[in-house]
């Protein structure tokens, strides 16, 4: 799985990392994680979350599959539209793992 993650990070962002940069964090698999798509498909999502820590800001290259790609501060995350299936993951990481003293 890690090999695929490294490949996708390269394809989607232009970042060159290796498997040593990945740290497995958590799996989200509860039955409430449902997504519907324009073609009519409805899927249950299981998400494996890995953390990649960068020592500096790298230039990001947006793939054809994305409209925009950029870095955000924690405060800026509250001002953008995040997919419902991703919001709780980001909140868990920020408020439970990264800094449990912060509040939502």
PDB file of N, CA and C in Angstrom:
ATOM      1  N   UNK A   1       0.816  -1.184   0.000  1.00  0.00           N
ATOM      2  CA  UNK A   1       0.000   0.000   0.000  1.00  0.00           C
ATOM      3  C   UNK A   1       0.868   1.260   0.000  1.00  0.00           C
ATOM      4  N   UNK A   2       1.939   1.243   0.769  1.00  0.00           N
ATOM      5  CA  UNK A   2       2.797   2.423   0.874  1.00  0.00           C
ATOM      6  C   UNK A   2       3.403   2.808  -0.479  1.00  0.00           C
ATOM      7  N   UNK A   3       3.742   1.803  -1.287  1.00  0.00           N
ATOM      8  CA  UNK A   3       4.283   2.079  -2.623  1.00  0.00           C
ATOM      9  C   UNK A   3       3.270   2.867  -3.456  1.00  0.00           C
ATOM     10  N   UNK A   4       2.000   2.494  -3.377  1.00  0.00           N
ATOM     11  CA  UNK A   4       0.942   3.202  -4.091  1.00  0.00           C
ATOM     12  C   UNK A   4       0.748   4.615  -3.569  1.00  0.00           C
ATOM     13  N   UNK A   5       0.864   4.808  -2.268  1.00  0.00           N
ATOM     14  CA  UNK A   5       0.734   6.140  -1.675  1.00  0.00           C
ATOM     15  C   UNK A   5       1.843   7.055  -2.179  1.00  0.00           C
ATOM     16  N   UNK A   6       3.069   6.553  -2.176  1.00  0.00           N
ATOM     17  CA  UNK A   6       4.209   7.340  -2.664  1.00  0.00           C
ATOM     18  C   UNK A   6       3.992   7.731  -4.124  1.00  0.00           C
ATOM     19  N   UNK A   7       3.531   6.781  -4.934  1.00  0.00           N
ATOM     20  CA  UNK A   7       3.278   7.050  -6.350  1.00  0.00           C
ATOM     21  C   UNK A   7       2.183   8.107  -6.523  1.00  0.00           C
ATOM     22  N   UNK A   8       1.091   7.980  -5.778  1.00  0.00           N
ATOM     23  CA  UNK A   8      -0.002   8.946  -5.891  1.00  0.00           C
ATOM     24  C   UNK A   8       0.414  10.339  -5.430  1.00  0.00           C
ATOM     25  N   UNK A   9       1.195  10.427  -4.368  1.00  0.00           N
ATOM     26  CA  UNK A   9       1.685  11.732  -3.914  1.00  0.00           C
ATOM     27  C   UNK A   9       2.494  12.393  -5.022  1.00  0.00           C
ATOM     28  N   UNK A  10       3.348  11.641  -5.682  1.00  0.00           N
ATOM     29  CA  UNK A  10       4.155  12.170  -6.788  1.00  0.00           C
ATOM     30  C   UNK A  10       3.254  12.627  -7.936  1.00  0.00           C
ATOM     31  N   UNK A  11       2.293  11.774  -8.329  1.00  0.00           N
ATOM     32  CA  UNK A  11       1.422  12.098  -9.456  1.00  0.00           C
ATOM     33  C   UNK A  11       0.526  13.295  -9.165  1.00  0.00           C
ATOM     34  N   UNK A  12       0.014  13.400  -7.940  1.00  0.00           N
ATOM     35  CA  UNK A  12      -0.964  14.436  -7.613  1.00  0.00           C
ATOM     36  C   UNK A  12      -0.359  15.749  -7.138  1.00  0.00           C
ATOM     37  N   UNK A  13       0.893  15.723  -6.642  1.00  0.00           N
ATOM     38  CA  UNK A  13       1.482  16.936  -6.060  1.00  0.00           C
ATOM     39  C   UNK A  13       2.859  17.292  -6.605  1.00  0.00           C
ATOM     40  N   UNK A  14       3.526  16.336  -7.236  1.00  0.00           N
ATOM     41  CA  UNK A  14       4.893  16.556  -7.685  1.00  0.00           C
ATOM     42  C   UNK A  14       5.929  16.336  -6.598  1.00  0.00           C
ATOM     43  N   UNK A  15       5.502  15.997  -5.380  1.00  0.00           N
ATOM     44  CA  UNK A  15       6.447  15.782  -4.282  1.00  0.00           C
ATOM     45  C   UNK A  15       7.108  14.414  -4.402  1.00  0.00           C
ATOM     46  N   UNK A  16       8.425  14.401  -4.262  1.00  0.00           N
ATOM     47  CA  UNK A  16       9.183  13.150  -4.265  1.00  0.00           C
ATOM     48  C   UNK A  16       9.461  12.744  -2.822  1.00  0.00           C
ATOM     49  N   UNK A  17       8.764  11.712  -2.376  1.00  0.00           N
ATOM     50  CA  UNK A  17       9.020  11.181  -1.044  1.00  0.00           C
ATOM     51  C   UNK A  17       9.287   9.690  -1.187  1.00  0.00           C
ATOM     52  N   UNK A  18       9.732   9.068  -0.120  1.00  0.00           N
ATOM     53  CA  UNK A  18       9.854   7.615  -0.129  1.00  0.00           C
ATOM     54  C   UNK A  18       9.052   7.049   1.034  1.00  0.00           C
ATOM     55  N   UNK A  19       8.948   5.754   1.095  1.00  0.00           N
ATOM     56  CA  UNK A  19       8.113   5.114   2.111  1.00  0.00           C
ATOM     57  C   UNK A  19       8.547   5.446   3.534  1.00  0.00           C
ATOM     58  N   UNK A  20       9.827   5.777   3.732  1.00  0.00           N
ATOM     59  CA  UNK A  20      10.309   6.134   5.069  1.00  0.00           C
ATOM     60  C   UNK A  20       9.685   7.430   5.578  1.00  0.00           C
ATOM     61  N   UNK A  21       9.166   8.277   4.661  1.00  0.00           N
ATOM     62  CA  UNK A  21       8.538   9.532   5.051  1.00  0.00           C
ATOM     63  C   UNK A  21       7.101   9.340   5.550  1.00  0.00           C
ATOM     64  N   UNK A  22       6.511   8.186   5.291  1.00  0.00           N
ATOM     65  CA  UNK A  22       5.123   7.915   5.671  1.00  0.00           C
ATOM     66  C   UNK A  22       5.026   7.381   7.092  1.00  0.00           C
ATOM     67  N   UNK A  23       4.008   7.864   7.810  1.00  0.00           N
ATOM     68  CA  UNK A  23       3.725   7.329   9.140  1.00  0.00           C
ATOM     69  C   UNK A  23       2.234   6.988   9.186  1.00  0.00           C
ATOM     70  N   UNK A  24       1.925   5.695   9.316  1.00  0.00           N
ATOM     71  CA  UNK A  24       0.524   5.304   9.420  1.00  0.00           C
ATOM     72  C   UNK A  24      -0.073   5.922  10.673  1.00  0.00           C
ATOM     73  N   UNK A  25      -1.284   6.479  10.533  1.00  0.00           N
ATOM     74  CA  UNK A  25      -1.922   7.100  11.688  1.00  0.00           C
ATOM     75  C   UNK A  25      -3.199   6.381  12.103  1.00  0.00           C
ATOM     76  N   UNK A  26      -4.162   6.191  11.174  1.00  0.00           N
ATOM     77  CA  UNK A  26      -5.452   5.689  11.606  1.00  0.00           C
ATOM     78  C   UNK A  26      -6.277   5.215  10.408  1.00  0.00           C
ATOM     79  N   UNK A  27      -7.213   4.301  10.657  1.00  0.00           N
ATOM     80  CA  UNK A  27      -8.181   3.881   9.644  1.00  0.00           C
ATOM     81  C   UNK A  27      -9.560   4.377  10.055  1.00  0.00           C
ATOM     82  N   UNK A  28     -10.279   4.956   9.097  1.00  0.00           N
ATOM     83  CA  UNK A  28     -11.665   5.384   9.299  1.00  0.00           C
ATOM     84  C   UNK A  28     -12.542   4.444   8.489  1.00  0.00           C
ATOM     85  N   UNK A  29     -13.389   3.672   9.191  1.00  0.00           N
ATOM     86  CA  UNK A  29     -14.181   2.656   8.496  1.00  0.00           C
ATOM     87  C   UNK A  29     -15.614   2.545   9.008  1.00  0.00           C
ATOM     88  N   UNK A  30     -16.066   3.511   9.800  1.00  0.00           N
ATOM     89  CA  UNK A  30     -17.416   3.381  10.347  1.00  0.00           C
ATOM     90  C   UNK A  30     -18.464   3.450   9.231  1.00  0.00           C
ATOM     91  N   UNK A  31     -19.615   2.867   9.490  1.00  0.00           N
ATOM     92  CA  UNK A  31     -20.647   2.717   8.463  1.00  0.00           C
ATOM     93  C   UNK A  31     -21.276   4.034   8.026  1.00  0.00           C
ATOM     94  N   UNK A  32     -21.018   5.130   8.711  1.00  0.00           N
ATOM     95  CA  UNK A  32     -21.561   6.430   8.303  1.00  0.00           C
ATOM     96  C   UNK A  32     -20.767   7.071   7.173  1.00  0.00           C
ATOM     97  N   UNK A  33     -19.625   6.493   6.826  1.00  0.00           N
ATOM     98  CA  UNK A  33     -18.777   7.076   5.777  1.00  0.00           C
ATOM     99  C   UNK A  33     -19.286   6.630   4.398  1.00  0.00           C
ATOM    100  N   UNK A  34     -20.248   7.391   3.883  1.00  0.00           N
ATOM    101  CA  UNK A  34     -20.894   7.092   2.609  1.00  0.00           C
ATOM    102  C   UNK A  34     -20.665   8.271   1.674  1.00  0.00           C
ATOM    103  N   UNK A  35     -20.404   7.994   0.410  1.00  0.00           N
ATOM    104  CA  UNK A  35     -20.238   9.051  -0.598  1.00  0.00           C
ATOM    105  C   UNK A  35     -21.078   8.706  -1.812  1.00  0.00           C
ATOM    106  N   UNK A  36     -21.739   9.731  -2.368  1.00  0.00           N
ATOM    107  CA  UNK A  36     -22.479   9.533  -3.612  1.00  0.00           C
ATOM    108  C   UNK A  36     -21.802  10.354  -4.698  1.00  0.00           C
ATOM    109  N   UNK A  37     -21.809   9.830  -5.902  1.00  0.00           N
ATOM    110  CA  UNK A  37     -21.121  10.446  -7.023  1.00  0.00           C
ATOM    111  C   UNK A  37     -22.120  10.820  -8.112  1.00  0.00           C
ATOM    112  N   UNK A  38     -21.767  11.798  -8.958  1.00  0.00           N
ATOM    113  CA  UNK A  38     -22.689  12.273  -9.993  1.00  0.00           C
ATOM    114  C   UNK A  38     -23.246  11.170 -10.897  1.00  0.00           C
ATOM    115  N   UNK A  39     -22.495  10.127 -11.152  1.00  0.00           N
ATOM    116  CA  UNK A  39     -22.959   9.037 -12.023  1.00  0.00           C
ATOM    117  C   UNK A  39     -24.000   8.153 -11.323  1.00  0.00           C
ATOM    118  N   UNK A  40     -24.267   8.426 -10.038  1.00  0.00           N
ATOM    119  CA  UNK A  40     -25.260   7.668  -9.302  1.00  0.00           C
ATOM    120  C   UNK A  40     -24.695   6.608  -8.379  1.00  0.00           C
ATOM    121  N   UNK A  41     -23.394   6.387  -8.418  1.00  0.00           N
ATOM    122  CA  UNK A  41     -22.770   5.396  -7.538  1.00  0.00           C
ATOM    123  C   UNK A  41     -22.801   5.885  -6.094  1.00  0.00           C
ATOM    124  N   UNK A  42     -23.142   4.995  -5.189  1.00  0.00           N
ATOM    125  CA  UNK A  42     -23.104   5.280  -3.757  1.00  0.00           C
ATOM    126  C   UNK A  42     -22.182   4.247  -3.133  1.00  0.00           C
ATOM    127  N   UNK A  43     -21.159   4.725  -2.437  1.00  0.00           N
ATOM    128  CA  UNK A  43     -20.123   3.838  -1.908  1.00  0.00           C
ATOM    129  C   UNK A  43     -19.897   4.072  -0.425  1.00  0.00           C
ATOM    130  N   UNK A  44     -19.554   3.005   0.269  1.00  0.00           N
ATOM    131  CA  UNK A  44     -19.073   3.117   1.641  1.00  0.00           C
ATOM    132  C   UNK A  44     -17.564   3.295   1.570  1.00  0.00           C
ATOM    133  N   UNK A  45     -17.045   4.250   2.300  1.00  0.00           N
ATOM    134  CA  UNK A  45     -15.629   4.573   2.247  1.00  0.00           C
ATOM    135  C   UNK A  45     -14.869   4.002   3.430  1.00  0.00           C
ATOM    136  N   UNK A  46     -13.713   3.458   3.150  1.00  0.00           N
ATOM    137  CA  UNK A  46     -12.751   3.061   4.170  1.00  0.00           C
ATOM    138  C   UNK A  46     -11.467   3.815   3.839  1.00  0.00           C
ATOM    139  N   UNK A  47     -10.998   4.601   4.782  1.00  0.00           N
ATOM    140  CA  UNK A  47      -9.864   5.482   4.530  1.00  0.00           C
ATOM    141  C   UNK A  47      -8.715   5.159   5.468  1.00  0.00           C
ATOM    142  N   UNK A  48      -7.552   4.865   4.891  1.00  0.00           N
ATOM    143  CA  UNK A  48      -6.327   4.688   5.669  1.00  0.00           C
ATOM    144  C   UNK A  48      -5.574   6.014   5.623  1.00  0.00           C
ATOM    145  N   UNK A  49      -5.267   6.559   6.785  1.00  0.00           N
ATOM    146  CA  UNK A  49      -4.635   7.867   6.870  1.00  0.00           C
ATOM    147  C   UNK A  49      -3.162   7.703   7.239  1.00  0.00           C
ATOM    148  N   UNK A  50      -2.321   8.304   6.422  1.00  0.00           N
ATOM    149  CA  UNK A  50      -0.887   8.347   6.678  1.00  0.00           C
ATOM    150  C   UNK A  50      -0.484   9.805   6.822  1.00  0.00           C
ATOM    151  N   UNK A  51       0.488  10.059   7.664  1.00  0.00           N
ATOM    152  CA  UNK A  51       1.017  11.403   7.873  1.00  0.00           C
ATOM    153  C   UNK A  51       2.357  11.503   7.164  1.00  0.00           C
ATOM    154  N   UNK A  52       2.555  12.608   6.456  1.00  0.00           N
ATOM    155  CA  UNK A  52       3.841  12.919   5.824  1.00  0.00           C
ATOM    156  C   UNK A  52       4.267  14.271   6.367  1.00  0.00           C
ATOM    157  N   UNK A  53       5.382  14.311   7.053  1.00  0.00           N
ATOM    158  CA  UNK A  53       5.884  15.577   7.577  1.00  0.00           C
ATOM    159  C   UNK A  53       6.993  16.083   6.660  1.00  0.00           C
ATOM    160  N   UNK A  54       6.823  17.330   6.207  1.00  0.00           N
ATOM    161  CA  UNK A  54       7.817  17.953   5.332  1.00  0.00           C
ATOM    162  C   UNK A  54       8.649  18.924   6.150  1.00  0.00           C
ATOM    163  N   UNK A  55       9.944  18.955   5.902  1.00  0.00           N
ATOM    164  CA  UNK A  55      10.833  19.847   6.644  1.00  0.00           C
ATOM    165  C   UNK A  55      10.797  21.271   6.124  1.00  0.00           C
ATOM    166  N   UNK A  56      10.310  21.445   4.909  1.00  0.00           N
ATOM    167  CA  UNK A  56      10.228  22.776   4.316  1.00  0.00           C
ATOM    168  C   UNK A  56       9.075  22.791   3.327  1.00  0.00           C
ATOM    169  N   UNK A  57       8.704  23.975   2.871  1.00  0.00           N
ATOM    170  CA  UNK A  57       7.650  24.110   1.874  1.00  0.00           C
ATOM    171  C   UNK A  57       8.241  23.785   0.511  1.00  0.00           C
ATOM    172  N   UNK A  58       7.628  22.839  -0.170  1.00  0.00           N
ATOM    173  CA  UNK A  58       8.064  22.437  -1.493  1.00  0.00           C
ATOM    174  C   UNK A  58       7.095  23.000  -2.522  1.00  0.00           C
ATOM    175  N   UNK A  59       7.568  23.222  -3.734  1.00  0.00           N
ATOM    176  CA  UNK A  59       6.683  23.656  -4.810  1.00  0.00           C
ATOM    177  C   UNK A  59       5.738  22.494  -5.141  1.00  0.00           C
ATOM    178  N   UNK A  60       4.440  22.793  -5.195  1.00  0.00           N
ATOM    179  CA  UNK A  60       3.442  21.783  -5.514  1.00  0.00           C
ATOM    180  C   UNK A  60       3.053  21.897  -6.981  1.00  0.00           C
ATOM    181  N   UNK A  61       2.917  20.768  -7.654  1.00  0.00           N
ATOM    182  CA  UNK A  61       2.509  20.726  -9.053  1.00  0.00           C
ATOM    183  C   UNK A  61       1.121  20.110  -9.133  1.00  0.00           C
ATOM    184  N   UNK A  62       0.152  20.880  -9.608  1.00  0.00           N
ATOM    185  CA  UNK A  62      -1.231  20.433  -9.676  1.00  0.00           C
ATOM    186  C   UNK A  62      -1.404  19.451 -10.837  1.00  0.00           C
ATOM    187  N   UNK A  63      -2.036  18.314 -10.567  1.00  0.00           N
ATOM    188  CA  UNK A  63      -2.276  17.317 -11.612  1.00  0.00           C
ATOM    189  C   UNK A  63      -3.502  17.705 -12.435  1.00  0.00           C
ATOM    190  N   UNK A  64      -3.741  16.954 -13.502  1.00  0.00           N
ATOM    191  CA  UNK A  64      -4.919  17.197 -14.338  1.00  0.00           C
ATOM    192  C   UNK A  64      -6.213  16.885 -13.591  1.00  0.00           C
ATOM    193  N   UNK A  65      -6.137  16.093 -12.547  1.00  0.00           N
ATOM    194  CA  UNK A  65      -7.317  15.698 -11.781  1.00  0.00           C
ATOM    195  C   UNK A  65      -7.738  16.737 -10.751  1.00  0.00           C
ATOM    196  N   UNK A  66      -6.933  17.766 -10.541  1.00  0.00           N
ATOM    197  CA  UNK A  66      -7.208  18.766  -9.506  1.00  0.00           C
ATOM    198  C   UNK A  66      -7.356  20.148 -10.122  1.00  0.00           C
ATOM    199  N   UNK A  67      -8.139  20.985  -9.447  1.00  0.00           N
ATOM    200  CA  UNK A  67      -8.308  22.363  -9.884  1.00  0.00           C
ATOM    201  C   UNK A  67      -7.270  23.283  -9.250  1.00  0.00           C
ATOM    202  N   UNK A  68      -6.923  22.998  -7.997  1.00  0.00           N
ATOM    203  CA  UNK A  68      -5.993  23.852  -7.266  1.00  0.00           C
ATOM    204  C   UNK A  68      -5.285  23.023  -6.208  1.00  0.00           C
ATOM    205  N   UNK A  69      -4.055  23.398  -5.912  1.00  0.00           N
ATOM    206  CA  UNK A  69      -3.265  22.696  -4.913  1.00  0.00           C
ATOM    207  C   UNK A  69      -2.410  23.724  -4.198  1.00  0.00           C
ATOM    208  N   UNK A  70      -2.536  23.783  -2.858  1.00  0.00           N
ATOM    209  CA  UNK A  70      -1.722  24.724  -2.100  1.00  0.00           C
ATOM    210  C   UNK A  70      -1.664  24.307  -0.641  1.00  0.00           C
ATOM    211  N   UNK A  71      -0.745  24.914   0.073  1.00  0.00           N
ATOM    212  CA  UNK A  71      -0.616  24.680   1.507  1.00  0.00           C
ATOM    213  C   UNK A  71      -1.591  25.587   2.250  1.00  0.00           C
ATOM    214  N   UNK A  72      -2.100  25.106   3.405  1.00  0.00           N
ATOM    215  CA  UNK A  72      -3.001  25.879   4.242  1.00  0.00           C
ATOM    216  C   UNK A  72      -2.491  25.875   5.670  1.00  0.00           C
ATOM    217  N   UNK A  73      -2.723  26.990   6.368  1.00  0.00           N
ATOM    218  CA  UNK A  73      -2.483  27.000   7.810  1.00  0.00           C
ATOM    219  C   UNK A  73      -3.692  26.360   8.482  1.00  0.00           C
ATOM    220  N   UNK A  74      -3.559  25.999   9.736  1.00  0.00           N
ATOM    221  CA  UNK A  74      -4.681  25.421  10.476  1.00  0.00           C
ATOM    222  C   UNK A  74      -5.861  26.394  10.475  1.00  0.00           C
ATOM    223  N   UNK A  75      -5.605  27.678  10.678  1.00  0.00           N
ATOM    224  CA  UNK A  75      -6.684  28.664  10.703  1.00  0.00           C
ATOM    225  C   UNK A  75      -7.381  28.775   9.349  1.00  0.00           C
ATOM    226  N   UNK A  76      -6.643  28.675   8.264  1.00  0.00           N
ATOM    227  CA  UNK A  76      -7.242  28.765   6.930  1.00  0.00           C
ATOM    228  C   UNK A  76      -8.148  27.577   6.625  1.00  0.00           C
ATOM    229  N   UNK A  77      -7.883  26.428   7.223  1.00  0.00           N
ATOM    230  CA  UNK A  77      -8.717  25.255   6.981  1.00  0.00           C
ATOM    231  C   UNK A  77     -10.175  25.504   7.360  1.00  0.00           C
ATOM    232  N   UNK A  78     -10.411  26.385   8.331  1.00  0.00           N
ATOM    233  CA  UNK A  78     -11.783  26.698   8.746  1.00  0.00           C
ATOM    234  C   UNK A  78     -12.534  27.541   7.723  1.00  0.00           C
ATOM    235  N   UNK A  79     -11.832  28.084   6.740  1.00  0.00           N
ATOM    236  CA  UNK A  79     -12.471  28.980   5.773  1.00  0.00           C
ATOM    237  C   UNK A  79     -12.697  28.333   4.410  1.00  0.00           C
ATOM    238  N   UNK A  80     -12.308  27.088   4.243  1.00  0.00           N
ATOM    239  CA  UNK A  80     -12.465  26.450   2.933  1.00  0.00           C
ATOM    240  C   UNK A  80     -13.490  25.318   2.995  1.00  0.00           C
ATOM    241  N   UNK A  81     -14.030  24.988   1.848  1.00  0.00           N
ATOM    242  CA  UNK A  81     -15.014  23.921   1.739  1.00  0.00           C
ATOM    243  C   UNK A  81     -14.279  22.586   1.632  1.00  0.00           C
ATOM    244  N   UNK A  82     -14.376  21.775   2.668  1.00  0.00           N
ATOM    245  CA  UNK A  82     -13.708  20.475   2.713  1.00  0.00           C
ATOM    246  C   UNK A  82     -14.769  19.393   2.576  1.00  0.00           C
ATOM    247  N   UNK A  83     -14.478  18.369   1.792  1.00  0.00           N
ATOM    248  CA  UNK A  83     -15.419  17.257   1.615  1.00  0.00           C
ATOM    249  C   UNK A  83     -15.834  16.724   2.979  1.00  0.00           C
ATOM    250  N   UNK A  84     -17.114  16.454   3.118  1.00  0.00           N
ATOM    251  CA  UNK A  84     -17.659  15.982   4.397  1.00  0.00           C
ATOM    252  C   UNK A  84     -16.935  14.730   4.900  1.00  0.00           C
ATOM    253  N   UNK A  85     -16.516  13.859   3.975  1.00  0.00           N
ATOM    254  CA  UNK A  85     -15.832  12.625   4.369  1.00  0.00           C
ATOM    255  C   UNK A  85     -14.389  12.867   4.820  1.00  0.00           C
ATOM    256  N   UNK A  86     -13.888  14.083   4.622  1.00  0.00           N
ATOM    257  CA  UNK A  86     -12.522  14.410   5.028  1.00  0.00           C
ATOM    258  C   UNK A  86     -12.469  15.290   6.278  1.00  0.00           C
ATOM    259  N   UNK A  87     -13.533  16.065   6.506  1.00  0.00           N
ATOM    260  CA  UNK A  87     -13.513  17.049   7.586  1.00  0.00           C
ATOM    261  C   UNK A  87     -13.220  16.421   8.946  1.00  0.00           C
ATOM    262  N   UNK A  88     -13.902  15.325   9.285  1.00  0.00           N
ATOM    263  CA  UNK A  88     -13.668  14.727  10.605  1.00  0.00           C
ATOM    264  C   UNK A  88     -12.251  14.169  10.729  1.00  0.00           C
ATOM    265  N   UNK A  89     -11.663  13.712   9.645  1.00  0.00           N
ATOM    266  CA  UNK A  89     -10.284  13.211   9.684  1.00  0.00           C
ATOM    267  C   UNK A  89      -9.331  14.354  10.014  1.00  0.00           C
ATOM    268  N   UNK A  90      -9.509  15.470   9.321  1.00  0.00           N
ATOM    269  CA  UNK A  90      -8.651  16.638   9.555  1.00  0.00           C
ATOM    270  C   UNK A  90      -8.851  17.156  10.981  1.00  0.00           C
ATOM    271  N   UNK A  91     -10.104  17.253  11.428  1.00  0.00           N
ATOM    272  CA  UNK A  91     -10.369  17.709  12.801  1.00  0.00           C
ATOM    273  C   UNK A  91      -9.745  16.776  13.831  1.00  0.00           C
ATOM    274  N   UNK A  92      -9.890  15.468  13.633  1.00  0.00           N
ATOM    275  CA  UNK A  92      -9.279  14.510  14.562  1.00  0.00           C
ATOM    276  C   UNK A  92      -7.773  14.707  14.642  1.00  0.00           C
ATOM    277  N   UNK A  93      -7.147  14.878  13.504  1.00  0.00           N
ATOM    278  CA  UNK A  93      -5.694  15.033  13.512  1.00  0.00           C
ATOM    279  C   UNK A  93      -5.283  16.330  14.213  1.00  0.00           C
ATOM    280  N   UNK A  94      -5.932  17.430  13.860  1.00  0.00           N
ATOM    281  CA  UNK A  94      -5.546  18.723  14.436  1.00  0.00           C
ATOM    282  C   UNK A  94      -5.840  18.773  15.932  1.00  0.00           C
ATOM    283  N   UNK A  95      -7.058  18.383  16.319  1.00  0.00           N
ATOM    284  CA  UNK A  95      -7.505  18.624  17.690  1.00  0.00           C
ATOM    285  C   UNK A  95      -7.261  17.472  18.654  1.00  0.00           C
ATOM    286  N   UNK A  96      -6.979  16.278  18.145  1.00  0.00           N
ATOM    287  CA  UNK A  96      -6.728  15.146  19.038  1.00  0.00           C
ATOM    288  C   UNK A  96      -5.276  14.678  18.996  1.00  0.00           C
ATOM    289  N   UNK A  97      -4.668  14.724  17.827  1.00  0.00           N
ATOM    290  CA  UNK A  97      -3.305  14.211  17.677  1.00  0.00           C
ATOM    291  C   UNK A  97      -2.271  15.334  17.752  1.00  0.00           C
ATOM    292  N   UNK A  98      -2.442  16.344  16.916  1.00  0.00           N
ATOM    293  CA  UNK A  98      -1.456  17.412  16.790  1.00  0.00           C
ATOM    294  C   UNK A  98      -1.429  18.315  18.024  1.00  0.00           C
ATOM    295  N   UNK A  99      -2.602  18.780  18.417  1.00  0.00           N
ATOM    296  CA  UNK A  99      -2.652  19.690  19.546  1.00  0.00           C
ATOM    297  C   UNK A  99      -3.984  19.541  20.286  1.00  0.00           C
ATOM    298  N   UNK A 100      -4.072  18.605  21.219  1.00  0.00           N
ATOM    299  CA  UNK A 100      -5.325  18.354  21.924  1.00  0.00           C
ATOM    300  C   UNK A 100      -5.822  19.528  22.762  1.00  0.00           C
ATOM    301  N   UNK A 101      -4.994  20.548  22.970  1.00  0.00           N
ATOM    302  CA  UNK A 101      -5.429  21.706  23.758  1.00  0.00           C
ATOM    303  C   UNK A 101      -6.252  22.667  22.923  1.00  0.00           C
ATOM    304  N   UNK A 102      -6.218  22.547  21.598  1.00  0.00           N
ATOM    305  CA  UNK A 102      -7.042  23.393  20.732  1.00  0.00           C
ATOM    306  C   UNK A 102      -8.477  22.920  20.803  1.00  0.00           C
ATOM    307  N   UNK A 103      -9.412  23.805  20.456  1.00  0.00           N
ATOM    308  CA  UNK A 103     -10.814  23.419  20.408  1.00  0.00           C
ATOM    309  C   UNK A 103     -11.379  23.707  19.030  1.00  0.00           C
ATOM    310  N   UNK A 104     -12.392  22.924  18.662  1.00  0.00           N
ATOM    311  CA  UNK A 104     -13.024  23.073  17.350  1.00  0.00           C
ATOM    312  C   UNK A 104     -13.932  24.281  17.371  1.00  0.00           C
TER     313      UNK A 104
END
